[in-house]
N, C-alpha and C. Protein backbone atom coordinates (compact mmCIF):
# COMPACT_ATOMS: atom_id res chain seq x y z
N MET A 1 -0.13 9.08 2.73
CA MET A 1 -0.65 8.62 1.47
C MET A 1 -2.09 9.09 1.37
N LEU A 2 -2.40 9.65 0.24
CA LEU A 2 -3.76 10.08 -0.03
C LEU A 2 -4.59 8.88 -0.43
N VAL A 3 -5.70 8.68 0.23
CA VAL A 3 -6.59 7.57 -0.11
C VAL A 3 -8.00 8.12 -0.25
N GLU A 4 -8.62 7.81 -1.36
CA GLU A 4 -10.02 8.13 -1.57
C GLU A 4 -10.71 6.84 -1.94
N ASP A 5 -11.94 6.70 -1.53
CA ASP A 5 -12.68 5.53 -1.96
C ASP A 5 -14.15 5.87 -2.08
N SER A 6 -14.87 5.05 -2.80
CA SER A 6 -16.30 5.25 -2.94
C SER A 6 -16.96 3.91 -3.19
N LEU A 7 -18.22 3.87 -2.86
CA LEU A 7 -19.04 2.68 -3.06
C LEU A 7 -20.20 3.07 -3.97
N ALA A 8 -20.30 2.43 -5.11
CA ALA A 8 -21.40 2.68 -6.03
C ALA A 8 -22.27 1.43 -6.07
N SER A 9 -23.38 1.52 -6.77
CA SER A 9 -24.28 0.36 -6.83
C SER A 9 -23.66 -0.81 -7.60
N ASP A 10 -22.66 -0.55 -8.46
CA ASP A 10 -22.10 -1.62 -9.27
C ASP A 10 -20.59 -1.78 -9.16
N HIS A 11 -19.91 -1.01 -8.30
CA HIS A 11 -18.46 -1.18 -8.17
C HIS A 11 -17.93 -0.52 -6.90
N LEU A 12 -16.72 -0.92 -6.51
CA LEU A 12 -15.94 -0.27 -5.46
C LEU A 12 -14.80 0.47 -6.14
N TYR A 13 -14.49 1.67 -5.67
CA TYR A 13 -13.44 2.48 -6.28
C TYR A 13 -12.46 2.91 -5.21
N THR A 14 -11.16 2.80 -5.52
CA THR A 14 -10.10 3.28 -4.62
C THR A 14 -9.09 4.07 -5.42
N ARG A 15 -8.66 5.22 -4.87
CA ARG A 15 -7.63 6.05 -5.50
C ARG A 15 -6.59 6.33 -4.43
N THR A 16 -5.34 6.01 -4.74
CA THR A 16 -4.25 6.23 -3.79
C THR A 16 -3.11 6.97 -4.48
N ARG A 17 -2.36 7.67 -3.68
CA ARG A 17 -1.14 8.33 -4.17
C ARG A 17 0.02 7.55 -3.59
N ALA A 18 0.86 7.01 -4.44
CA ALA A 18 1.98 6.18 -4.00
C ALA A 18 2.96 6.98 -3.14
N ILE A 19 3.67 6.27 -2.26
CA ILE A 19 4.70 6.91 -1.44
C ILE A 19 6.07 6.40 -1.87
N GLU A 20 7.09 7.19 -1.58
CA GLU A 20 8.46 6.85 -1.95
C GLU A 20 8.95 5.64 -1.15
N TRP A 21 9.66 4.72 -1.84
CA TRP A 21 10.25 3.58 -1.15
C TRP A 21 11.40 4.04 -0.25
N TYR A 22 12.15 5.04 -0.69
CA TYR A 22 13.28 5.56 0.08
C TYR A 22 13.10 7.07 0.23
N PRO A 23 12.35 7.51 1.26
CA PRO A 23 12.03 8.92 1.39
C PRO A 23 13.13 9.77 2.03
N ASP A 24 14.22 9.14 2.53
CA ASP A 24 15.23 9.87 3.29
C ASP A 24 15.84 11.03 2.52
N ASN A 25 16.07 10.87 1.24
CA ASN A 25 16.70 11.96 0.47
C ASN A 25 15.64 12.87 -0.16
N LYS A 26 14.39 12.75 0.30
CA LYS A 26 13.31 13.57 -0.26
C LYS A 26 12.55 14.33 0.83
N GLY A 27 13.18 14.45 2.00
CA GLY A 27 12.57 15.20 3.10
C GLY A 27 11.77 14.35 4.07
N GLY A 28 11.82 13.02 3.93
CA GLY A 28 11.08 12.13 4.83
C GLY A 28 12.00 11.21 5.57
N GLY A 29 11.44 10.15 6.09
CA GLY A 29 12.21 9.16 6.83
C GLY A 29 11.30 8.04 7.29
N LYS A 30 11.72 7.30 8.33
CA LYS A 30 10.94 6.17 8.83
C LYS A 30 9.51 6.57 9.20
N THR A 31 9.39 7.69 9.86
CA THR A 31 8.07 8.12 10.34
C THR A 31 7.47 9.22 9.48
N GLY A 32 8.14 9.59 8.42
CA GLY A 32 7.64 10.66 7.56
C GLY A 32 7.58 10.26 6.10
N PRO A 33 6.50 9.56 5.69
CA PRO A 33 6.41 9.17 4.28
C PRO A 33 6.31 10.38 3.37
N VAL A 34 6.80 10.21 2.17
CA VAL A 34 6.76 11.28 1.16
C VAL A 34 5.96 10.77 -0.04
N GLY A 35 4.94 11.50 -0.40
CA GLY A 35 4.11 11.11 -1.54
C GLY A 35 4.81 11.34 -2.86
N THR A 36 4.44 10.55 -3.85
CA THR A 36 4.98 10.71 -5.20
C THR A 36 3.93 11.36 -6.09
N ASP A 37 4.27 11.53 -7.34
CA ASP A 37 3.33 12.07 -8.32
C ASP A 37 2.61 10.95 -9.07
N VAL A 38 2.63 9.75 -8.50
CA VAL A 38 1.98 8.60 -9.12
C VAL A 38 0.64 8.35 -8.42
N VAL A 39 -0.42 8.31 -9.21
CA VAL A 39 -1.76 8.04 -8.69
C VAL A 39 -2.21 6.68 -9.21
N MET A 40 -2.65 5.82 -8.28
CA MET A 40 -3.15 4.50 -8.67
C MET A 40 -4.64 4.44 -8.37
N GLU A 41 -5.42 4.00 -9.35
CA GLU A 41 -6.86 3.86 -9.18
C GLU A 41 -7.25 2.41 -9.41
N GLN A 42 -8.27 1.97 -8.71
CA GLN A 42 -8.73 0.59 -8.84
C GLN A 42 -10.25 0.55 -8.79
N TRP A 43 -10.85 -0.19 -9.71
CA TRP A 43 -12.28 -0.43 -9.74
C TRP A 43 -12.50 -1.94 -9.59
N VAL A 44 -13.36 -2.33 -8.67
CA VAL A 44 -13.68 -3.75 -8.46
C VAL A 44 -15.19 -3.91 -8.60
N SER A 45 -15.59 -4.87 -9.44
CA SER A 45 -17.01 -5.11 -9.65
C SER A 45 -17.27 -6.58 -9.91
N VAL A 46 -18.52 -6.96 -9.78
CA VAL A 46 -18.95 -8.32 -10.09
C VAL A 46 -19.40 -8.32 -11.55
N ALA A 47 -18.97 -9.33 -12.30
CA ALA A 47 -19.35 -9.41 -13.72
C ALA A 47 -20.86 -9.54 -13.84
N ARG A 48 -21.43 -8.79 -14.75
CA ARG A 48 -22.89 -8.82 -14.95
C ARG A 48 -23.37 -10.16 -15.47
N TRP A 49 -22.50 -10.87 -16.19
CA TRP A 49 -22.90 -12.14 -16.80
C TRP A 49 -22.68 -13.35 -15.89
N ASP A 50 -21.93 -13.17 -14.78
CA ASP A 50 -21.69 -14.29 -13.88
C ASP A 50 -21.23 -13.75 -12.52
N TRP A 51 -22.04 -13.92 -11.50
CA TRP A 51 -21.75 -13.36 -10.18
C TRP A 51 -20.50 -13.96 -9.55
N ARG A 52 -20.00 -15.07 -10.08
CA ARG A 52 -18.80 -15.71 -9.53
C ARG A 52 -17.51 -15.10 -10.06
N ILE A 53 -17.62 -14.16 -10.97
CA ILE A 53 -16.44 -13.52 -11.58
C ILE A 53 -16.29 -12.10 -11.03
N ILE A 54 -15.11 -11.81 -10.51
CA ILE A 54 -14.80 -10.47 -10.00
C ILE A 54 -13.87 -9.79 -11.00
N LEU A 55 -14.25 -8.61 -11.43
CA LEU A 55 -13.44 -7.83 -12.38
C LEU A 55 -12.65 -6.78 -11.61
N VAL A 56 -11.36 -6.69 -11.91
CA VAL A 56 -10.52 -5.69 -11.27
C VAL A 56 -9.81 -4.90 -12.38
N HIS A 57 -10.00 -3.59 -12.37
CA HIS A 57 -9.36 -2.72 -13.36
C HIS A 57 -8.46 -1.74 -12.61
N TYR A 58 -7.27 -1.54 -13.16
CA TYR A 58 -6.30 -0.60 -12.59
C TYR A 58 -5.96 0.49 -13.59
N ARG A 59 -5.65 1.67 -13.05
CA ARG A 59 -5.07 2.72 -13.88
C ARG A 59 -3.98 3.39 -13.04
N VAL A 60 -2.80 3.50 -13.61
CA VAL A 60 -1.67 4.15 -12.94
C VAL A 60 -1.32 5.38 -13.77
N THR A 61 -1.33 6.54 -13.13
CA THR A 61 -1.10 7.80 -13.82
C THR A 61 0.04 8.56 -13.16
N TYR A 62 0.93 9.08 -13.98
CA TYR A 62 2.01 9.94 -13.47
C TYR A 62 1.59 11.39 -13.70
N ALA A 63 1.50 12.16 -12.62
CA ALA A 63 1.03 13.54 -12.71
C ALA A 63 2.16 14.56 -12.57
N GLY A 64 3.40 14.10 -12.57
CA GLY A 64 4.53 15.00 -12.40
C GLY A 64 5.03 15.56 -13.71
N THR A 65 6.09 16.34 -13.62
CA THR A 65 6.66 16.97 -14.81
C THR A 65 8.06 16.46 -15.13
N THR A 66 8.67 15.68 -14.23
CA THR A 66 9.99 15.14 -14.45
C THR A 66 9.91 13.94 -15.39
N ALA A 67 10.79 13.89 -16.37
CA ALA A 67 10.80 12.77 -17.32
C ALA A 67 11.36 11.53 -16.63
N HIS A 68 10.67 10.41 -16.81
CA HIS A 68 11.10 9.12 -16.27
C HIS A 68 10.97 8.07 -17.35
N ALA A 69 11.79 7.05 -17.27
CA ALA A 69 11.65 5.92 -18.19
C ALA A 69 10.52 5.02 -17.71
N ASN A 70 9.92 4.28 -18.62
CA ASN A 70 8.91 3.30 -18.24
C ASN A 70 9.56 2.17 -17.47
N ASN A 71 8.81 1.59 -16.54
CA ASN A 71 9.31 0.48 -15.76
C ASN A 71 8.13 -0.37 -15.33
N THR A 72 8.39 -1.61 -14.94
CA THR A 72 7.31 -2.46 -14.48
C THR A 72 6.99 -2.15 -13.02
N GLN A 73 5.76 -2.41 -12.63
CA GLN A 73 5.32 -2.21 -11.25
C GLN A 73 4.46 -3.40 -10.88
N GLU A 74 4.74 -3.98 -9.72
CA GLU A 74 3.90 -5.07 -9.28
C GLU A 74 2.54 -4.53 -8.85
N LEU A 75 1.51 -5.22 -9.25
CA LEU A 75 0.16 -4.84 -8.84
C LEU A 75 -0.53 -6.09 -8.33
N PRO A 76 -1.33 -6.03 -7.31
CA PRO A 76 -1.70 -4.77 -6.68
C PRO A 76 -0.56 -4.25 -5.81
N ALA A 77 -0.36 -2.98 -5.88
CA ALA A 77 0.60 -2.31 -5.00
C ALA A 77 -0.20 -1.74 -3.84
N SER A 78 0.42 -1.39 -2.78
CA SER A 78 -0.24 -0.94 -1.55
C SER A 78 -1.44 -0.05 -1.84
N MET A 79 -2.54 -0.65 -2.08
CA MET A 79 -3.74 0.12 -2.37
C MET A 79 -4.67 0.08 -1.22
């Protein structure tokens, strides 16, 4: 899984590439995860108006070319 992260003065950022739940038919297996074309990004910051409030923003992007139907995804997902 590709993981990038950064620390800025006002937020934490994480970018991950999701892995297949069932990689066996995609060239992987128990010890060989297979990445997908789904990129999940997360920004975490403290609200400027109240330090007791934590703001979490997500963006999920599909970077592939295969057509897929929309579906729900539990978040946070393995980030």
